[in-house]
C-alpha atoms as a PDB file:
ATOM      1  CA  UNK A   1     145.725  76.322  62.519  1.00  0.00           C
ATOM      2  CA  UNK A   2     146.241  76.324  58.423  1.00  0.00           C
ATOM      3  CA  UNK A   3     144.929  78.425  55.196  1.00  0.00           C
ATOM      4  CA  UNK A   4     146.631  79.280  51.634  1.00  0.00           C
ATOM      5  CA  UNK A   5     144.527  80.878  48.649  1.00  0.00           C
ATOM      6  CA  UNK A   6     145.503  83.350  45.963  1.00  0.00           C
ATOM      7  CA  UNK A   7     144.047  85.142  43.216  1.00  0.00           C
ATOM      8  CA  UNK A   8     144.997  86.389  39.754  1.00  0.00           C
ATOM      9  CA  UNK A   9     144.442  90.853  39.200  1.00  0.00           C
ATOM     10  CA  UNK A  10     140.949  92.279  40.050  1.00  0.00           C
ATOM     11  CA  UNK A  11     141.632  95.867  39.714  1.00  0.00           C
ATOM     12  CA  UNK A  12     144.163  97.919  37.911  1.00  0.00           C
ATOM     13  CA  UNK A  13     146.424  99.512  41.241  1.00  0.00           C
ATOM     14  CA  UNK A  14     148.971  96.985  41.932  1.00  0.00           C
ATOM     15  CA  UNK A  15     149.546  98.011  45.164  1.00  0.00           C
ATOM     16  CA  UNK A  16     145.118  97.800  46.408  1.00  0.00           C
ATOM     17  CA  UNK A  17     145.744  94.257  44.141  1.00  0.00           C
ATOM     18  CA  UNK A  18     148.252  93.681  46.713  1.00  0.00           C
ATOM     19  CA  UNK A  19     146.113  94.168  49.949  1.00  0.00           C
ATOM     20  CA  UNK A  20     142.945  92.828  48.266  1.00  0.00           C
ATOM     21  CA  UNK A  21     144.776  89.393  47.794  1.00  0.00           C
ATOM     22  CA  UNK A  22     146.187  89.472  51.860  1.00  0.00           C
ATOM     23  CA  UNK A  23     143.182  90.097  52.825  1.00  0.00           C
ATOM     24  CA  UNK A  24     141.208  87.882  50.898  1.00  0.00           C
ATOM     25  CA  UNK A  25     144.692  85.216  52.730  1.00  0.00           C
ATOM     26  CA  UNK A  26     143.624  85.972  56.162  1.00  0.00           C
ATOM     27  CA  UNK A  27     139.704  85.758  55.843  1.00  0.00           C
ATOM     28  CA  UNK A  28     140.127  82.207  56.496  1.00  0.00           C
ATOM     29  CA  UNK A  29     141.742  82.688  59.847  1.00  0.00           C
ATOM     30  CA  UNK A  30     139.741  84.556  60.844  1.00  0.00           C
ATOM     31  CA  UNK A  31     136.598  82.778  59.990  1.00  0.00           C
ATOM     32  CA  UNK A  32     137.790  80.077  62.195  1.00  0.00           C
ATOM     33  CA  UNK A  33     137.846  83.095  64.840  1.00  0.00           C
ATOM     34  CA  UNK A  34     141.832  82.536  65.048  1.00  0.00           C
ATOM     35  CA  UNK A  35     144.617  84.586  65.442  1.00  0.00           C
ATOM     36  CA  UNK A  36     147.747  85.545  62.261  1.00  0.00           C
ATOM     37  CA  UNK A  37     150.904  84.805  63.534  1.00  0.00           C
ATOM     38  CA  UNK A  38     152.748  84.302  60.119  1.00  0.00           C
ATOM     39  CA  UNK A  39     152.519  83.936  56.711  1.00  0.00           C
ATOM     40  CA  UNK A  40     154.270  83.232  53.302  1.00  0.00           C
ATOM     41  CA  UNK A  41     153.781  85.068  49.992  1.00  0.00           C
ATOM     42  CA  UNK A  42     152.556  82.972  47.390  1.00  0.00           C
ATOM     43  CA  UNK A  43     153.469  84.775  43.912  1.00  0.00           C
ATOM     44  CA  UNK A  44     152.750  83.616  40.254  1.00  0.00           C
ATOM     45  CA  UNK A  45     154.502  86.036  38.096  1.00  0.00           C
ATOM     46  CA  UNK A  46     153.085  87.198  34.630  1.00  0.00           C
ATOM     47  CA  UNK A  47     157.555  88.411  33.930  1.00  0.00           C
ATOM     48  CA  UNK A  48     155.680  89.186  30.485  1.00  0.00           C
ATOM     49  CA  UNK A  49     153.681  92.316  31.231  1.00  0.00           C
ATOM     50  CA  UNK A  50     154.442  92.946  34.778  1.00  0.00           C
ATOM     51  CA  UNK A  51     158.136  94.619  35.226  1.00  0.00           C
ATOM     52  CA  UNK A  52     159.919  94.583  38.768  1.00  0.00           C
ATOM     53  CA  UNK A  53     158.341  97.378  40.293  1.00  0.00           C
ATOM     54  CA  UNK A  54     154.657  96.980  39.447  1.00  0.00           C
ATOM     55  CA  UNK A  55     155.768  93.161  41.214  1.00  0.00           C
ATOM     56  CA  UNK A  56     157.708  95.389  44.178  1.00  0.00           C
ATOM     57  CA  UNK A  57     154.576  96.832  44.752  1.00  0.00           C
ATOM     58  CA  UNK A  58     151.964  93.877  44.044  1.00  0.00           C
ATOM     59  CA  UNK A  59     154.496  92.557  47.243  1.00  0.00           C
ATOM     60  CA  UNK A  60     154.125  95.695  49.248  1.00  0.00           C
ATOM     61  CA  UNK A  61     150.843  95.780  49.258  1.00  0.00           C
ATOM     62  CA  UNK A  62     150.556  92.199  49.923  1.00  0.00           C
ATOM     63  CA  UNK A  63     152.509  93.617  53.691  1.00  0.00           C
ATOM     64  CA  UNK A  64     151.147  95.965  54.703  1.00  0.00           C
ATOM     65  CA  UNK A  65     147.813  94.174  55.273  1.00  0.00           C
ATOM     66  CA  UNK A  66     150.564  91.315  56.894  1.00  0.00           C
ATOM     67  CA  UNK A  67     151.468  93.509  59.375  1.00  0.00           C
ATOM     68  CA  UNK A  68     147.983  95.457  60.327  1.00  0.00           C
ATOM     69  CA  UNK A  69     146.788  91.318  60.708  1.00  0.00           C
ATOM     70  CA  UNK A  70     149.880  91.589  63.675  1.00  0.00           C
ATOM     71  CA  UNK A  71     151.994  88.761  61.283  1.00  0.00           C
ATOM     72  CA  UNK A  72     155.797  87.928  60.213  1.00  0.00           C
ATOM     73  CA  UNK A  73     156.405  87.952  56.971  1.00  0.00           C
ATOM     74  CA  UNK A  74     158.950  85.276  56.803  1.00  0.00           C
ATOM     75  CA  UNK A  75     159.756  84.757  53.636  1.00  0.00           C
ATOM     76  CA  UNK A  76     158.101  82.845  50.576  1.00  0.00           C
ATOM     77  CA  UNK A  77     158.162  81.760  47.298  1.00  0.00           C
ATOM     78  CA  UNK A  78     158.356  82.461  42.911  1.00  0.00           C
ATOM     79  CA  UNK A  79     157.672  81.185  39.835  1.00  0.00           C
ATOM     80  CA  UNK A  80     157.075  82.265  36.238  1.00  0.00           C
ATOM     81  CA  UNK A  81     153.483  81.915  35.156  1.00  0.00           C
ATOM     82  CA  UNK A  82     151.951  83.133  31.597  1.00  0.00           C
ATOM     83  CA  UNK A  83     148.569  84.945  34.143  1.00  0.00           C
ATOM     84  CA  UNK A  84     149.348  86.556  37.138  1.00  0.00           C
ATOM     85  CA  UNK A  85     149.006  85.127  41.107  1.00  0.00           C
ATOM     86  CA  UNK A  86     149.117  86.523  44.308  1.00  0.00           C
ATOM     87  CA  UNK A  87     148.656  85.755  47.757  1.00  0.00           C
ATOM     88  CA  UNK A  88     149.632  83.872  50.762  1.00  0.00           C
ATOM     89  CA  UNK A  89     150.021  80.781  52.862  1.00  0.00           C
ATOM     90  CA  UNK A  90     149.101  81.571  56.808  1.00  0.00           C
ATOM     91  CA  UNK A  91     149.259  80.014  59.852  1.00  0.00           C
ATOM     92  CA  UNK A  92     147.357  81.125  62.838  1.00  0.00           C
ATOM     93  CA  UNK A  93     146.507  79.721  66.178  1.00  0.00           C
ATOM     94  CA  UNK A  94     143.597  79.084  68.084  1.00  0.00           C
ATOM     95  CA  UNK A  95     142.047  77.375  70.895  1.00  0.00           C
ATOM     96  CA  UNK A  96     141.136  74.093  70.106  1.00  0.00           C
ATOM     97  CA  UNK A  97     137.970  74.667  72.030  1.00  0.00           C
ATOM     98  CA  UNK A  98     136.788  77.930  70.751  1.00  0.00           C
ATOM     99  CA  UNK A  99     136.955  77.361  67.059  1.00  0.00           C
ATOM    100  CA  UNK A 100     134.010  78.271  64.378  1.00  0.00           C
ATOM    101  CA  UNK A 101     133.059  76.003  62.370  1.00  0.00           C
ATOM    102  CA  UNK A 102     130.717  76.714  59.819  1.00  0.00           C
ATOM    103  CA  UNK A 103     127.660  73.981  59.433  1.00  0.00           C
ATOM    104  CA  UNK A 104     127.110  74.475  63.331  1.00  0.00           C
ATOM    105  CA  UNK A 105     124.171  76.920  63.946  1.00  0.00           C
ATOM    106  CA  UNK A 106     121.538  76.555  65.983  1.00  0.00           C
ATOM    107  CA  UNK A 107     118.312  76.723  65.129  1.00  0.00           C
ATOM    108  CA  UNK A 108     116.859  80.578  66.845  1.00  0.00           C
ATOM    109  CA  UNK A 109     120.219  81.691  65.699  1.00  0.00           C
ATOM    110  CA  UNK A 110     120.280  85.350  63.351  1.00  0.00           C
ATOM    111  CA  UNK A 111     123.037  85.784  60.905  1.00  0.00           C
ATOM    112  CA  UNK A 112     124.885  88.329  60.692  1.00  0.00           C
ATOM    113  CA  UNK A 113     126.685  89.978  57.179  1.00  0.00           C
ATOM    114  CA  UNK A 114     129.419  92.608  57.582  1.00  0.00           C
ATOM    115  CA  UNK A 115     130.169  93.308  54.084  1.00  0.00           C
ATOM    116  CA  UNK A 116     128.310  94.042  51.267  1.00  0.00           C
ATOM    117  CA  UNK A 117     127.666  91.816  48.338  1.00  0.00           C
ATOM    118  CA  UNK A 118     128.098  92.425  44.751  1.00  0.00           C
ATOM    119  CA  UNK A 119     131.870  92.456  44.054  1.00  0.00           C
ATOM    120  CA  UNK A 120     132.032  89.648  40.828  1.00  0.00           C
ATOM    121  CA  UNK A 121     129.933  91.658  39.007  1.00  0.00           C
ATOM    122  CA  UNK A 122     131.560  95.142  39.950  1.00  0.00           C
ATOM    123  CA  UNK A 123     134.882  93.993  39.321  1.00  0.00           C
ATOM    124  CA  UNK A 124     134.237  91.903  36.069  1.00  0.00           C
ATOM    125  CA  UNK A 125     132.829  95.758  35.196  1.00  0.00           C
ATOM    126  CA  UNK A 126     136.054  96.753  35.071  1.00  0.00           C
ATOM    127  CA  UNK A 127     137.851  94.681  33.654  1.00  0.00           C
ATOM    128  CA  UNK A 128     135.673  95.883  30.628  1.00  0.00           C
ATOM    129  CA  UNK A 129     136.577  99.405  31.680  1.00  0.00           C
ATOM    130  CA  UNK A 130     132.719 100.429  32.478  1.00  0.00           C
ATOM    131  CA  UNK A 131     133.794 101.251  36.255  1.00  0.00           C
ATOM    132  CA  UNK A 132     133.768 104.770  36.937  1.00  0.00           C
ATOM    133  CA  UNK A 133     137.076 105.970  39.354  1.00  0.00           C
ATOM    134  CA  UNK A 134     134.370 106.649  42.912  1.00  0.00           C
ATOM    135  CA  UNK A 135     133.464 103.101  42.633  1.00  0.00           C
ATOM    136  CA  UNK A 136     136.408 101.324  42.168  1.00  0.00           C
ATOM    137  CA  UNK A 137     138.424 103.505  45.242  1.00  0.00           C
ATOM    138  CA  UNK A 138     135.125 102.164  46.674  1.00  0.00           C
ATOM    139  CA  UNK A 139     135.004  97.980  46.355  1.00  0.00           C
ATOM    140  CA  UNK A 140     139.551  98.227  46.531  1.00  0.00           C
ATOM    141  CA  UNK A 141     138.678  99.524  49.798  1.00  0.00           C
ATOM    142  CA  UNK A 142     136.061  96.508  50.901  1.00  0.00           C
ATOM    143  CA  UNK A 143     138.133  94.108  49.493  1.00  0.00           C
ATOM    144  CA  UNK A 144     141.240  94.934  51.575  1.00  0.00           C
ATOM    145  CA  UNK A 145     139.582  95.821  55.167  1.00  0.00           C
ATOM    146  CA  UNK A 146     140.584  92.644  57.038  1.00  0.00           C
ATOM    147  CA  UNK A 147     137.938  90.289  58.913  1.00  0.00           C
ATOM    148  CA  UNK A 148     140.023  91.182  61.841  1.00  0.00           C
ATOM    149  CA  UNK A 149     138.173  94.306  63.919  1.00  0.00           C
ATOM    150  CA  UNK A 150     134.524  91.605  62.900  1.00  0.00           C
ATOM    151  CA  UNK A 151     135.552  89.069  64.057  1.00  0.00           C
ATOM    152  CA  UNK A 152     137.399  90.377  67.040  1.00  0.00           C
ATOM    153  CA  UNK A 153     134.568  91.642  68.348  1.00  0.00           C
ATOM    154  CA  UNK A 154     132.367  88.654  67.842  1.00  0.00           C
ATOM    155  CA  UNK A 155     134.329  86.503  69.511  1.00  0.00           C
ATOM    156  CA  UNK A 156     132.950  88.688  72.479  1.00  0.00           C
ATOM    157  CA  UNK A 157     129.438  87.252  71.631  1.00  0.00           C
ATOM    158  CA  UNK A 158     128.071  83.551  72.084  1.00  0.00           C
ATOM    159  CA  UNK A 159     129.282  81.852  68.011  1.00  0.00           C
ATOM    160  CA  UNK A 160     127.631  79.242  66.956  1.00  0.00           C
ATOM    161  CA  UNK A 161     129.605  79.003  63.659  1.00  0.00           C
ATOM    162  CA  UNK A 162     130.912  81.433  61.063  1.00  0.00           C
ATOM    163  CA  UNK A 163     131.834  81.714  57.471  1.00  0.00           C
ATOM    164  CA  UNK A 164     134.002  83.899  55.315  1.00  0.00           C
ATOM    165  CA  UNK A 165     131.652  85.137  51.579  1.00  0.00           C
ATOM    166  CA  UNK A 166     134.363  84.176  49.258  1.00  0.00           C
ATOM    167  CA  UNK A 167     134.602  82.278  46.152  1.00  0.00           C
ATOM    168  CA  UNK A 168     130.697  80.760  46.276  1.00  0.00           C
ATOM    169  CA  UNK A 169     128.997  83.441  46.283  1.00  0.00           C
ATOM    170  CA  UNK A 170     126.170  84.534  49.477  1.00  0.00           C
ATOM    171  CA  UNK A 171     124.155  81.429  48.352  1.00  0.00           C
ATOM    172  CA  UNK A 172     127.068  78.862  47.790  1.00  0.00           C
ATOM    173  CA  UNK A 173     128.675  79.724  51.621  1.00  0.00           C
ATOM    174  CA  UNK A 174     125.068  79.663  53.591  1.00  0.00           C
ATOM    175  CA  UNK A 175     124.577  76.457  51.885  1.00  0.00           C
ATOM    176  CA  UNK A 176     127.863  75.505  54.251  1.00  0.00           C
ATOM    177  CA  UNK A 177     126.116  76.474  57.082  1.00  0.00           C
ATOM    178  CA  UNK A 178     123.627  73.958  56.876  1.00  0.00           C
ATOM    179  CA  UNK A 179     123.519  70.458  58.297  1.00  0.00           C
ATOM    180  CA  UNK A 180     120.432  68.738  58.168  1.00  0.00           C
ATOM    181  CA  UNK A 181     118.407  69.982  61.464  1.00  0.00           C
ATOM    182  CA  UNK A 182     118.362  73.284  60.000  1.00  0.00           C
ATOM    183  CA  UNK A 183     117.852  75.316  56.902  1.00  0.00           C
ATOM    184  CA  UNK A 184     118.269  79.202  56.783  1.00  0.00           C
ATOM    185  CA  UNK A 185     115.495  81.826  55.883  1.00  0.00           C
ATOM    186  CA  UNK A 186     116.826  85.163  54.039  1.00  0.00           C
ATOM    187  CA  UNK A 187     115.430  88.557  53.943  1.00  0.00           C
ATOM    188  CA  UNK A 188     116.247  89.443  51.190  1.00  0.00           C
ATOM    189  CA  UNK A 189     116.199  93.079  51.890  1.00  0.00           C
ATOM    190  CA  UNK A 190     118.399  93.361  54.636  1.00  0.00           C
ATOM    191  CA  UNK A 191     121.405  92.058  52.666  1.00  0.00           C
ATOM    192  CA  UNK A 192     123.316  94.164  52.156  1.00  0.00           C
ATOM    193  CA  UNK A 193     124.622  94.881  48.249  1.00  0.00           C
ATOM    194  CA  UNK A 194     126.315  98.217  46.386  1.00  0.00           C
ATOM    195  CA  UNK A 195     124.043  99.392  44.031  1.00  0.00           C
ATOM    196  CA  UNK A 196     126.335  99.729  41.625  1.00  0.00           C
ATOM    197  CA  UNK A 197     126.223  95.532  40.426  1.00  0.00           C
ATOM    198  CA  UNK A 198     122.459  95.870  39.622  1.00  0.00           C
ATOM    199  CA  UNK A 199     122.842  97.847  36.409  1.00  0.00           C
ATOM    200  CA  UNK A 200     125.877  95.162  35.553  1.00  0.00           C
ATOM    201  CA  UNK A 201     123.608  92.520  36.840  1.00  0.00           C
ATOM    202  CA  UNK A 202     120.579  93.759  34.632  1.00  0.00           C
ATOM    203  CA  UNK A 203     123.479  94.118  31.386  1.00  0.00           C
ATOM    204  CA  UNK A 204     124.834  90.854  31.760  1.00  0.00           C
ATOM    205  CA  UNK A 205     128.102  91.709  32.892  1.00  0.00           C
ATOM    206  CA  UNK A 206     128.303  88.472  35.626  1.00  0.00           C
ATOM    207  CA  UNK A 207     131.673  86.641  36.031  1.00  0.00           C
ATOM    208  CA  UNK A 208     131.437  83.052  34.886  1.00  0.00           C
ATOM    209  CA  UNK A 209     131.855  81.695  38.673  1.00  0.00           C
ATOM    210  CA  UNK A 210     128.804  83.498  39.445  1.00  0.00           C
ATOM    211  CA  UNK A 211     126.821  81.408  36.848  1.00  0.00           C
ATOM    212  CA  UNK A 212     128.707  78.111  37.936  1.00  0.00           C
ATOM    213  CA  UNK A 213     126.946  78.530  42.128  1.00  0.00           C
ATOM    214  CA  UNK A 214     123.571  79.371  40.449  1.00  0.00           C
ATOM    215  CA  UNK A 215     124.221  76.194  38.713  1.00  0.00           C
ATOM    216  CA  UNK A 216     124.828  74.392  41.877  1.00  0.00           C
ATOM    217  CA  UNK A 217     123.792  76.510  43.947  1.00  0.00           C
ATOM    218  CA  UNK A 218     119.899  77.017  43.140  1.00  0.00           C
ATOM    219  CA  UNK A 219     118.784  73.826  43.376  1.00  0.00           C
ATOM    220  CA  UNK A 220     119.163  74.008  47.436  1.00  0.00           C
ATOM    221  CA  UNK A 221     117.187  77.499  47.128  1.00  0.00           C
ATOM    222  CA  UNK A 222     113.551  78.501  47.494  1.00  0.00           C
ATOM    223  CA  UNK A 223     112.925  81.768  46.624  1.00  0.00           C
ATOM    224  CA  UNK A 224     110.311  83.636  48.369  1.00  0.00           C
ATOM    225  CA  UNK A 225     110.734  86.913  47.344  1.00  0.00           C
ATOM    226  CA  UNK A 226     108.454  90.072  47.450  1.00  0.00           C
ATOM    227  CA  UNK A 227     107.418  92.199  44.379  1.00  0.00           C
ATOM    228  CA  UNK A 228     109.701  94.936  46.393  1.00  0.00           C
ATOM    229  CA  UNK A 229     112.854  92.877  46.522  1.00  0.00           C
ATOM    230  CA  UNK A 230     115.616  94.563  44.889  1.00  0.00           C
ATOM    231  CA  UNK A 231     116.686  91.227  43.461  1.00  0.00           C
ATOM    232  CA  UNK A 232     113.412  90.094  42.079  1.00  0.00           C
ATOM    233  CA  UNK A 233     114.489  88.459  38.232  1.00  0.00           C
ATOM    234  CA  UNK A 234     118.323  89.322  39.507  1.00  0.00           C
ATOM    235  CA  UNK A 235     118.146  86.216  41.772  1.00  0.00           C
ATOM    236  CA  UNK A 236     121.436  85.590  40.793  1.00  0.00           C
ATOM    237  CA  UNK A 237     123.302  88.872  42.580  1.00  0.00           C
ATOM    238  CA  UNK A 238     122.805  86.383  45.697  1.00  0.00           C
ATOM    239  CA  UNK A 239     125.561  84.442  43.854  1.00  0.00           C
ATOM    240  CA  UNK A 240     128.038  86.886  42.622  1.00  0.00           C
ATOM    241  CA  UNK A 241     131.150  85.499  43.333  1.00  0.00           C
ATOM    242  CA  UNK A 242     132.910  87.609  46.072  1.00  0.00           C
ATOM    243  CA  UNK A 243     136.401  87.648  46.910  1.00  0.00           C
ATOM    244  CA  UNK A 244     137.418  88.977  50.414  1.00  0.00           C
ATOM    245  CA  UNK A 245     133.876  89.435  51.473  1.00  0.00           C
ATOM    246  CA  UNK A 246     132.248  89.557  54.697  1.00  0.00           C
ATOM    247  CA  UNK A 247     131.420  86.856  57.240  1.00  0.00           C
ATOM    248  CA  UNK A 248     128.672  85.468  58.596  1.00  0.00           C
ATOM    249  CA  UNK A 249     128.157  85.296  61.678  1.00  0.00           C
ATOM    250  CA  UNK A 250     125.208  82.436  63.822  1.00  0.00           C
ATOM    251  CA  UNK A 251     124.611  83.832  67.073  1.00  0.00           C
ATOM    252  CA  UNK A 252     121.337  83.515  69.610  1.00  0.00           C
ATOM    253  CA  UNK A 253     119.097  85.863  68.693  1.00  0.00           C
ATOM    254  CA  UNK A 254     119.488  87.684  72.273  1.00  0.00           C
ATOM    255  CA  UNK A 255     122.751  88.572  71.408  1.00  0.00           C
ATOM    256  CA  UNK A 256     122.207  89.945  67.685  1.00  0.00           C
ATOM    257  CA  UNK A 257     121.090  92.981  68.540  1.00  0.00           C
ATOM    258  CA  UNK A 258     124.200  93.775  70.859  1.00  0.00           C
ATOM    259  CA  UNK A 259     126.691  92.251  68.368  1.00  0.00           C
ATOM    260  CA  UNK A 260     125.350  94.275  65.403  1.00  0.00           C
ATOM    261  CA  UNK A 261     125.643  97.854  67.526  1.00  0.00           C
ATOM    262  CA  UNK A 262     128.940  97.018  68.783  1.00  0.00           C
ATOM    263  CA  UNK A 263     130.642  96.223  65.028  1.00  0.00           C
ATOM    264  CA  UNK A 264     128.370  99.491  63.407  1.00  0.00           C
ATOM    265  CA  UNK A 265     129.918 101.510  66.232  1.00  0.00           C
ATOM    266  CA  UNK A 266     133.147  99.678  65.218  1.00  0.00           C
ATOM    267  CA  UNK A 267     133.157 100.835  61.921  1.00  0.00           C
ATOM    268  CA  UNK A 268     131.770  97.793  59.894  1.00  0.00           C
ATOM    269  CA  UNK A 269     129.156  99.989  58.924  1.00  0.00           C
ATOM    270  CA  UNK A 270     127.989  97.172  56.011  1.00  0.00           C
ATOM    271  CA  UNK A 271     126.436  95.204  58.939  1.00  0.00           C
ATOM    272  CA  UNK A 272     123.040  93.902  58.754  1.00  0.00           C
ATOM    273  CA  UNK A 273     121.018  91.041  60.402  1.00  0.00           C
ATOM    274  CA  UNK A 274     120.052  89.439  56.985  1.00  0.00           C
ATOM    275  CA  UNK A 275     118.109  86.085  58.308  1.00  0.00           C
ATOM    276  CA  UNK A 276     117.565  83.451  61.221  1.00  0.00           C
ATOM    277  CA  UNK A 277     118.221  79.667  61.690  1.00  0.00           C
ATOM    278  CA  UNK A 278     114.730  78.084  61.642  1.00  0.00           C
ATOM    279  CA  UNK A 279     114.063  73.272  61.839  1.00  0.00           C
ATOM    280  CA  UNK A 280     114.894  71.878  58.438  1.00  0.00           C
ATOM    281  CA  UNK A 281     112.151  72.604  55.702  1.00  0.00           C
ATOM    282  CA  UNK A 282     112.213  70.610  52.358  1.00  0.00           C
ATOM    283  CA  UNK A 283     114.908  73.436  51.046  1.00  0.00           C
ATOM    284  CA  UNK A 284     118.094  73.890  53.189  1.00  0.00           C
ATOM    285  CA  UNK A 285     118.020  77.393  51.669  1.00  0.00           C
ATOM    286  CA  UNK A 286     114.767  79.961  52.065  1.00  0.00           C
ATOM    287  CA  UNK A 287     114.908  83.790  50.455  1.00  0.00           C
ATOM    288  CA  UNK A 288     111.685  85.978  50.506  1.00  0.00           C
END
């Protein structure tokens, strides 16, 4: 299997940026149930604003995640660019009959999300110099965390479908998990969210990509939020564009709690059951 991705800087520390960009690039392999083997650096160097030491730190951060994934860096390609970008082209392997697809969930499945949402809003606040240091550290650590462990744990269970949550936001990627035979029912108050994102969303500190996601996906959603839902009047959080977000597993109900418990016991503490797969409805996505 082959994947490629790159991103612009999200955090101020170049080493952390390299780690996040690499983790984001590696995630597609894990979302398909695969094992990372090799990677190539994709570097677009803004050499007018970033010196060689910063570039070295970015590449070192990326290499640390490739090694953590058990992969080998084979080389890469660099060009000059007016906007800094970095990522990887990744090669992975998997048995052809064991690939996880994103649109093969079955009625009765339960949905488990492994990382919190809100990263798009929080990184936008960071760019505006509005984010405190502890929160900067928290989001950097979450985004730099590989989805490798979660995927490895899940591989011991029945996984009917899987996706990773990135640029299209939670609801955008969950819409990709639907098919004409099914709909998804989401329990909004069980969706893990970094609470710091709420205040910034209320202030309108929202990336353009999140608004684009809402514009594209809202017509496929039916919101029946309870008065106590943290997403009441803040549905935009569910469309928030993520970077290096978590995995969503669709697994049979009789395995879901055991899988969730193992994820949490292995340090994936944000993991939560966020919904279920039902027969097709008027709307592919129903959020209560």
